[in-house]
Amino acid sequence: MQESLGALKSNVTLQWDKRYPMNRVARMDQRNGFLYFAYGSNLLTERIHINNPSAKMISVGKLKDYRLDFNHFSQRWKGAAATIVEDPDSSVYGVLWEIGNEDMANLDRQEGVHKKIYKVMDVEVETEKDECVGARSYQVIRPLEGDRRPSYVYMDVIIRGAKENGLPKDYIRFLENIEHNGYNGSVEIDLQLDKQ
C-alpha cells in the first residue's frame, strides 16, 4: 500500500497561487470555537455534522510536510482509516472547519482520543488566501502493520467530501487512485450515500 501511495504522490504536483506572502499565523478566538483541519471522512459536510453540528466550512487547506496514509484498521469503516504522517516532500489537502467549543468533546470521541487511537495535534495550515492558520487535527498513535487499504465506502465518503468542498482536481484524482479493499457494504455511520 505504501509503495502505491508513494508512486501516486510523485506524479502529483500541486501549488497554491502565491499572490500574497504568508506573513502571519491567524488563530480563532478560542473562547467561542476552534479551527479543525479534516483530511478523511470529515471532509464530507453530512459526515462532520453527525457529531459536530456547529461545523462551518471556512476554507480548503494545505498541510505541508505531511502525507496522507491509511494505517489503522477501523471496524466502523471496515478497512484502514486515514491519518497524516510527517513527510517533508508531501502535502495533504483538506478542509478547515470552524467548530464551536461545545462540539470539541464530540470530535475527540469520534476520533477515538479516549481510546488512544488518535492523538490531538496542533498544525499550521495554508488557506486558499495564502494565510497560515493554526488548527486542531488528529494523528494515529499506533500505526497498523499488514493490510492498510481503506474500504471502498470510506474512500467514497472522502472523495465526495473533497469534491463537495472544492479540493484541487489533481488531489481528487490522487484520492480516486488509492487502492481500496473493495468493501462497499453497510458501515456504522448513518450517511445517505447512494451506492453506485
C-alpha atoms as a PDB file:
ATOM      1  CA  MET A   1       0.000   0.000   0.000  1.00  0.00           C
ATOM      2  CA  GLN A   2       2.716   2.461   0.949  1.00  0.00           C
ATOM      3  CA  GLU A   3       4.536   1.987  -2.343  1.00  0.00           C
ATOM      4  CA  SER A   4       1.393   2.696  -4.355  1.00  0.00           C
ATOM      5  CA  LEU A   5       0.731   5.881  -2.362  1.00  0.00           C
ATOM      6  CA  GLY A   6       4.340   6.955  -2.868  1.00  0.00           C
ATOM      7  CA  ALA A   7       4.139   6.353  -6.602  1.00  0.00           C
ATOM      8  CA  LEU A   8       0.972   8.419  -6.830  1.00  0.00           C
ATOM      9  CA  LYS A   9       2.496  11.159  -4.705  1.00  0.00           C
ATOM     10  CA  SER A  10       5.448  11.575  -7.057  1.00  0.00           C
ATOM     11  CA  ASN A  11       3.111  12.164 -10.006  1.00  0.00           C
ATOM     12  CA  VAL A  12       1.057  14.881  -8.277  1.00  0.00           C
ATOM     13  CA  THR A  13       2.417  18.414  -8.117  1.00  0.00           C
ATOM     14  CA  LEU A  14       0.073  20.922  -6.542  1.00  0.00           C
ATOM     15  CA  GLN A  15       0.683  24.567  -5.695  1.00  0.00           C
ATOM     16  CA  TRP A  16      -1.388  27.462  -4.464  1.00  0.00           C
ATOM     17  CA  ASP A  17      -1.336  30.738  -6.369  1.00  0.00           C
ATOM     18  CA  LYS A  18       1.356  32.711  -4.498  1.00  0.00           C
ATOM     19  CA  ARG A  19      -0.194  36.185  -4.799  1.00  0.00           C
ATOM     20  CA  TYR A  20       0.297  37.066  -1.151  1.00  0.00           C
ATOM     21  CA  PRO A  21       3.205  36.321   1.173  1.00  0.00           C
ATOM     22  CA  MET A  22       2.499  34.116   4.173  1.00  0.00           C
ATOM     23  CA  ASN A  23       3.477  36.503   6.920  1.00  0.00           C
ATOM     24  CA  ARG A  24       1.182  35.656   9.792  1.00  0.00           C
ATOM     25  CA  VAL A  25      -0.461  32.790  11.600  1.00  0.00           C
ATOM     26  CA  ALA A  26      -4.124  33.529  12.262  1.00  0.00           C
ATOM     27  CA  ARG A  27      -5.848  31.920  15.221  1.00  0.00           C
ATOM     28  CA  MET A  28      -9.520  31.915  16.042  1.00  0.00           C
ATOM     29  CA  ASP A  29     -10.854  33.371  19.255  1.00  0.00           C
ATOM     30  CA  GLN A  30     -10.814  30.151  21.280  1.00  0.00           C
ATOM     31  CA  ARG A  31     -13.458  31.396  23.712  1.00  0.00           C
ATOM     32  CA  ASN A  32     -16.085  30.604  21.084  1.00  0.00           C
ATOM     33  CA  GLY A  33     -14.621  27.817  18.995  1.00  0.00           C
ATOM     34  CA  PHE A  34     -11.664  26.343  17.184  1.00  0.00           C
ATOM     35  CA  LEU A  35     -10.435  25.554  13.682  1.00  0.00           C
ATOM     36  CA  TYR A  36     -10.246  21.883  12.719  1.00  0.00           C
ATOM     37  CA  PHE A  37      -8.299  20.529   9.723  1.00  0.00           C
ATOM     38  CA  ALA A  38     -10.113  17.500   8.256  1.00  0.00           C
ATOM     39  CA  TYR A  39      -8.458  15.202   5.720  1.00  0.00           C
ATOM     40  CA  GLY A  40     -10.556  11.995   5.949  1.00  0.00           C
ATOM     41  CA  SER A  41     -14.277  11.260   6.215  1.00  0.00           C
ATOM     42  CA  ASN A  42     -14.899  14.631   7.882  1.00  0.00           C
ATOM     43  CA  LEU A  43     -14.306  16.289   4.511  1.00  0.00           C
ATOM     44  CA  LEU A  44     -17.963  15.495   3.820  1.00  0.00           C
ATOM     45  CA  THR A  45     -20.366  18.007   5.367  1.00  0.00           C
ATOM     46  CA  GLU A  46     -23.011  15.369   6.098  1.00  0.00           C
ATOM     47  CA  ARG A  47     -20.427  13.268   7.964  1.00  0.00           C
ATOM     48  CA  ILE A  48     -18.970  16.005  10.163  1.00  0.00           C
ATOM     49  CA  HIS A  49     -22.439  17.271  11.088  1.00  0.00           C
ATOM     50  CA  ILE A  50     -23.421  13.889  12.597  1.00  0.00           C
ATOM     51  CA  ASN A  51     -21.336  14.590  15.734  1.00  0.00           C
ATOM     52  CA  ASN A  52     -20.404  18.242  15.223  1.00  0.00           C
ATOM     53  CA  PRO A  53     -23.480  20.212  14.155  1.00  0.00           C
ATOM     54  CA  SER A  54     -21.772  23.575  14.730  1.00  0.00           C
ATOM     55  CA  ALA A  55     -19.146  22.904  11.996  1.00  0.00           C
ATOM     56  CA  LYS A  56     -18.920  25.600   9.296  1.00  0.00           C
ATOM     57  CA  MET A  57     -16.640  25.304   6.277  1.00  0.00           C
ATOM     58  CA  ILE A  58     -14.019  28.074   6.286  1.00  0.00           C
ATOM     59  CA  SER A  59     -11.552  27.159   3.525  1.00  0.00           C
ATOM     60  CA  VAL A  60      -9.741  24.462   1.639  1.00  0.00           C
ATOM     61  CA  GLY A  61      -6.405  24.000   3.382  1.00  0.00           C
ATOM     62  CA  LYS A  62      -2.985  22.559   2.654  1.00  0.00           C
ATOM     63  CA  LEU A  63      -0.870  20.927   5.362  1.00  0.00           C
ATOM     64  CA  LYS A  64       2.762  20.949   4.258  1.00  0.00           C
ATOM     65  CA  ASP A  65       5.366  18.350   5.236  1.00  0.00           C
ATOM     66  CA  TYR A  66       2.791  15.596   5.797  1.00  0.00           C
ATOM     67  CA  ARG A  67       1.354  12.841   3.617  1.00  0.00           C
ATOM     68  CA  LEU A  68      -1.975  11.066   3.729  1.00  0.00           C
ATOM     69  CA  ASP A  69      -1.736   7.453   4.889  1.00  0.00           C
ATOM     70  CA  PHE A  70      -4.072   4.681   5.998  1.00  0.00           C
ATOM     71  CA  ASN A  71      -2.613   2.775   8.902  1.00  0.00           C
ATOM     72  CA  HIS A  72      -5.283   1.969  11.492  1.00  0.00           C
ATOM     73  CA  PHE A  73      -7.986  -0.675  10.972  1.00  0.00           C
ATOM     74  CA  SER A  74     -11.412   0.823  11.617  1.00  0.00           C
ATOM     75  CA  GLN A  75     -14.244  -1.571  12.448  1.00  0.00           C
ATOM     76  CA  ARG A  76     -16.603   1.360  11.844  1.00  0.00           C
ATOM     77  CA  TRP A  77     -15.414   1.724   8.225  1.00  0.00           C
ATOM     78  CA  LYS A  78     -14.419  -1.943   7.561  1.00  0.00           C
ATOM     79  CA  GLY A  79     -10.919  -1.001   6.444  1.00  0.00           C
ATOM     80  CA  ALA A  80      -7.944   1.205   7.222  1.00  0.00           C
ATOM     81  CA  ALA A  81      -8.697   4.754   8.356  1.00  0.00           C
ATOM     82  CA  ALA A  82      -6.811   7.871   7.287  1.00  0.00           C
ATOM     83  CA  THR A  83      -4.052   9.611   9.180  1.00  0.00           C
ATOM     84  CA  ILE A  84      -1.333  12.141   8.483  1.00  0.00           C
ATOM     85  CA  VAL A  85       2.339  11.176   8.632  1.00  0.00           C
ATOM     86  CA  GLU A  86       5.336  13.510   8.640  1.00  0.00           C
ATOM     87  CA  ASP A  87       6.948  13.659   5.176  1.00  0.00           C
ATOM     88  CA  PRO A  88       8.999  16.703   4.088  1.00  0.00           C
ATOM     89  CA  ASP A  89       8.280  16.026   0.405  1.00  0.00           C
ATOM     90  CA  SER A  90       4.482  15.943   0.622  1.00  0.00           C
ATOM     91  CA  SER A  91       1.361  17.933   1.404  1.00  0.00           C
ATOM     92  CA  VAL A  92      -2.142  16.935   2.457  1.00  0.00           C
ATOM     93  CA  TYR A  93      -5.187  18.870   1.280  1.00  0.00           C
ATOM     94  CA  GLY A  94      -8.280  19.091   3.402  1.00  0.00           C
ATOM     95  CA  VAL A  95     -10.987  21.338   4.791  1.00  0.00           C
ATOM     96  CA  LEU A  96     -10.744  23.876   7.588  1.00  0.00           C
ATOM     97  CA  TRP A  97     -13.903  23.776   9.679  1.00  0.00           C
ATOM     98  CA  GLU A  98     -14.848  26.295  12.351  1.00  0.00           C
ATOM     99  CA  ILE A  99     -16.378  24.310  15.226  1.00  0.00           C
ATOM    100  CA  GLY A 100     -17.955  25.560  18.434  1.00  0.00           C
ATOM    101  CA  ASN A 101     -16.243  24.608  21.680  1.00  0.00           C
ATOM    102  CA  GLU A 102     -19.397  22.711  22.657  1.00  0.00           C
ATOM    103  CA  ASP A 103     -18.518  20.092  19.989  1.00  0.00           C
ATOM    104  CA  MET A 104     -14.842  19.595  20.893  1.00  0.00           C
ATOM    105  CA  ALA A 105     -15.531  16.584  23.151  1.00  0.00           C
ATOM    106  CA  ASN A 106     -17.743  15.068  20.418  1.00  0.00           C
ATOM    107  CA  LEU A 107     -14.956  15.400  17.851  1.00  0.00           C
ATOM    108  CA  ASP A 108     -12.361  13.910  20.225  1.00  0.00           C
ATOM    109  CA  ARG A 109     -14.688  10.973  20.962  1.00  0.00           C
ATOM    110  CA  GLN A 110     -15.388  10.443  17.247  1.00  0.00           C
ATOM    111  CA  GLU A 111     -11.646  10.314  16.583  1.00  0.00           C
ATOM    112  CA  GLY A 112     -11.019   7.833  19.404  1.00  0.00           C
ATOM    113  CA  VAL A 113      -8.819  10.081  21.548  1.00  0.00           C
ATOM    114  CA  HIS A 114     -10.243   8.477  24.720  1.00  0.00           C
ATOM    115  CA  LYS A 115      -9.295   5.021  23.341  1.00  0.00           C
ATOM    116  CA  LYS A 116      -5.789   6.221  22.445  1.00  0.00           C
ATOM    117  CA  ILE A 117      -6.362   5.557  18.732  1.00  0.00           C
ATOM    118  CA  TYR A 118      -5.701   9.130  17.564  1.00  0.00           C
ATOM    119  CA  LYS A 119      -3.926  11.968  19.312  1.00  0.00           C
ATOM    120  CA  VAL A 120      -4.765  15.653  19.072  1.00  0.00           C
ATOM    121  CA  MET A 121      -2.273  17.758  17.115  1.00  0.00           C
ATOM    122  CA  ASP A 122      -1.872  21.479  16.559  1.00  0.00           C
ATOM    123  CA  VAL A 123      -0.988  22.077  12.910  1.00  0.00           C
ATOM    124  CA  GLU A 124      -0.392  25.114  10.714  1.00  0.00           C
ATOM    125  CA  VAL A 125      -2.451  25.035   7.548  1.00  0.00           C
ATOM    126  CA  GLU A 126      -2.177  27.226   4.463  1.00  0.00           C
ATOM    127  CA  THR A 127      -5.529  28.571   3.243  1.00  0.00           C
ATOM    128  CA  GLU A 128      -6.601  29.464  -0.287  1.00  0.00           C
ATOM    129  CA  LYS A 129      -5.823  33.104   0.594  1.00  0.00           C
ATOM    130  CA  ASP A 130      -2.209  32.179   1.460  1.00  0.00           C
ATOM    131  CA  GLU A 131      -2.787  32.735   5.157  1.00  0.00           C
ATOM    132  CA  CYS A 132      -1.246  30.311   7.601  1.00  0.00           C
ATOM    133  CA  VAL A 133      -3.724  29.364  10.323  1.00  0.00           C
ATOM    134  CA  GLY A 134      -3.394  27.276  13.446  1.00  0.00           C
ATOM    135  CA  ALA A 135      -5.813  24.347  13.600  1.00  0.00           C
ATOM    136  CA  ARG A 136      -6.600  21.189  15.531  1.00  0.00           C
ATOM    137  CA  SER A 137      -6.141  17.859  13.760  1.00  0.00           C
ATOM    138  CA  TYR A 138      -5.627  14.200  14.632  1.00  0.00           C
ATOM    139  CA  GLN A 139      -2.948  11.561  14.002  1.00  0.00           C
ATOM    140  CA  VAL A 140      -2.972   7.784  14.583  1.00  0.00           C
ATOM    141  CA  ILE A 141      -0.863   6.840  17.614  1.00  0.00           C
ATOM    142  CA  ARG A 142      -0.010   3.186  16.832  1.00  0.00           C
ATOM    143  CA  PRO A 143       0.263   2.513  13.090  1.00  0.00           C
ATOM    144  CA  LEU A 144      -1.087  -0.754  11.700  1.00  0.00           C
ATOM    145  CA  GLU A 145       1.105  -3.365  10.079  1.00  0.00           C
ATOM    146  CA  GLY A 146      -0.477  -5.523   7.395  1.00  0.00           C
ATOM    147  CA  ASP A 147      -3.433  -4.673   5.160  1.00  0.00           C
ATOM    148  CA  ARG A 148      -3.577  -0.896   5.097  1.00  0.00           C
ATOM    149  CA  ARG A 149      -6.235  -0.485   2.436  1.00  0.00           C
ATOM    150  CA  PRO A 150      -9.302   1.628   3.204  1.00  0.00           C
ATOM    151  CA  SER A 151     -12.755   0.333   2.285  1.00  0.00           C
ATOM    152  CA  TYR A 152     -14.436   1.453  -0.912  1.00  0.00           C
ATOM    153  CA  VAL A 153     -17.246   3.090   1.083  1.00  0.00           C
ATOM    154  CA  TYR A 154     -14.755   5.060   3.221  1.00  0.00           C
ATOM    155  CA  MET A 155     -12.891   6.325   0.155  1.00  0.00           C
ATOM    156  CA  ASP A 156     -16.234   7.217  -1.440  1.00  0.00           C
ATOM    157  CA  VAL A 157     -17.053   9.444   1.559  1.00  0.00           C
ATOM    158  CA  ILE A 158     -13.602  11.088   1.410  1.00  0.00           C
ATOM    159  CA  ILE A 159     -13.819  11.700  -2.348  1.00  0.00           C
ATOM    160  CA  ARG A 160     -17.374  13.061  -2.120  1.00  0.00           C
ATOM    161  CA  GLY A 161     -16.216  15.478   0.582  1.00  0.00           C
ATOM    162  CA  ALA A 162     -13.193  16.526  -1.470  1.00  0.00           C
ATOM    163  CA  LYS A 163     -15.401  17.276  -4.478  1.00  0.00           C
ATOM    164  CA  GLU A 164     -18.122  18.956  -2.407  1.00  0.00           C
ATOM    165  CA  ASN A 165     -15.640  21.395  -0.872  1.00  0.00           C
ATOM    166  CA  GLY A 166     -13.512  22.100  -3.951  1.00  0.00           C
ATOM    167  CA  LEU A 167     -10.193  20.414  -3.174  1.00  0.00           C
ATOM    168  CA  PRO A 168      -7.730  20.642  -6.100  1.00  0.00           C
ATOM    169  CA  LYS A 169      -8.618  18.378  -9.029  1.00  0.00           C
ATOM    170  CA  ASP A 170      -5.164  16.739  -9.062  1.00  0.00           C
ATOM    171  CA  TYR A 171      -5.569  15.851  -5.400  1.00  0.00           C
ATOM    172  CA  ILE A 172      -9.031  14.390  -6.042  1.00  0.00           C
ATOM    173  CA  ARG A 173      -7.511  12.236  -8.809  1.00  0.00           C
ATOM    174  CA  PHE A 174      -4.845  11.132  -6.304  1.00  0.00           C
ATOM    175  CA  LEU A 175      -7.615  10.109  -3.869  1.00  0.00           C
ATOM    176  CA  GLU A 176      -9.512   8.273  -6.616  1.00  0.00           C
ATOM    177  CA  ASN A 177      -6.412   6.189  -7.365  1.00  0.00           C
ATOM    178  CA  ILE A 178      -5.818   4.966  -3.811  1.00  0.00           C
ATOM    179  CA  GLU A 179      -6.239   1.199  -3.696  1.00  0.00           C
ATOM    180  CA  HIS A 180      -9.196   0.116  -1.536  1.00  0.00           C
ATOM    181  CA  ASN A 181     -10.199  -3.293  -0.159  1.00  0.00           C
ATOM    182  CA  GLY A 182     -13.429  -3.486  -2.192  1.00  0.00           C
ATOM    183  CA  TYR A 183     -15.825  -3.371   0.777  1.00  0.00           C
ATOM    184  CA  ASN A 184     -18.982  -1.485  -0.234  1.00  0.00           C
ATOM    185  CA  GLY A 185     -21.472  -2.752   2.345  1.00  0.00           C
ATOM    186  CA  SER A 186     -23.054  -1.114   5.352  1.00  0.00           C
ATOM    187  CA  VAL A 187     -20.992   0.799   7.911  1.00  0.00           C
ATOM    188  CA  GLU A 188     -21.670   2.090  11.417  1.00  0.00           C
ATOM    189  CA  ILE A 189     -22.152   5.665  10.184  1.00  0.00           C
ATOM    190  CA  ASP A 190     -25.628   6.914   9.292  1.00  0.00           C
ATOM    191  CA  LEU A 191     -24.957   8.565   5.917  1.00  0.00           C
ATOM    192  CA  GLN A 192     -27.338   8.843   2.989  1.00  0.00           C
ATOM    193  CA  LEU A 193     -24.987   7.541   0.304  1.00  0.00           C
ATOM    194  CA  ASP A 194     -26.461   6.076  -2.843  1.00  0.00           C
ATOM    195  CA  LYS A 195     -24.472   3.024  -3.840  1.00  0.00           C
ATOM    196  CA  GLN A 196     -23.071   3.210  -7.344  1.00  0.00           C
END
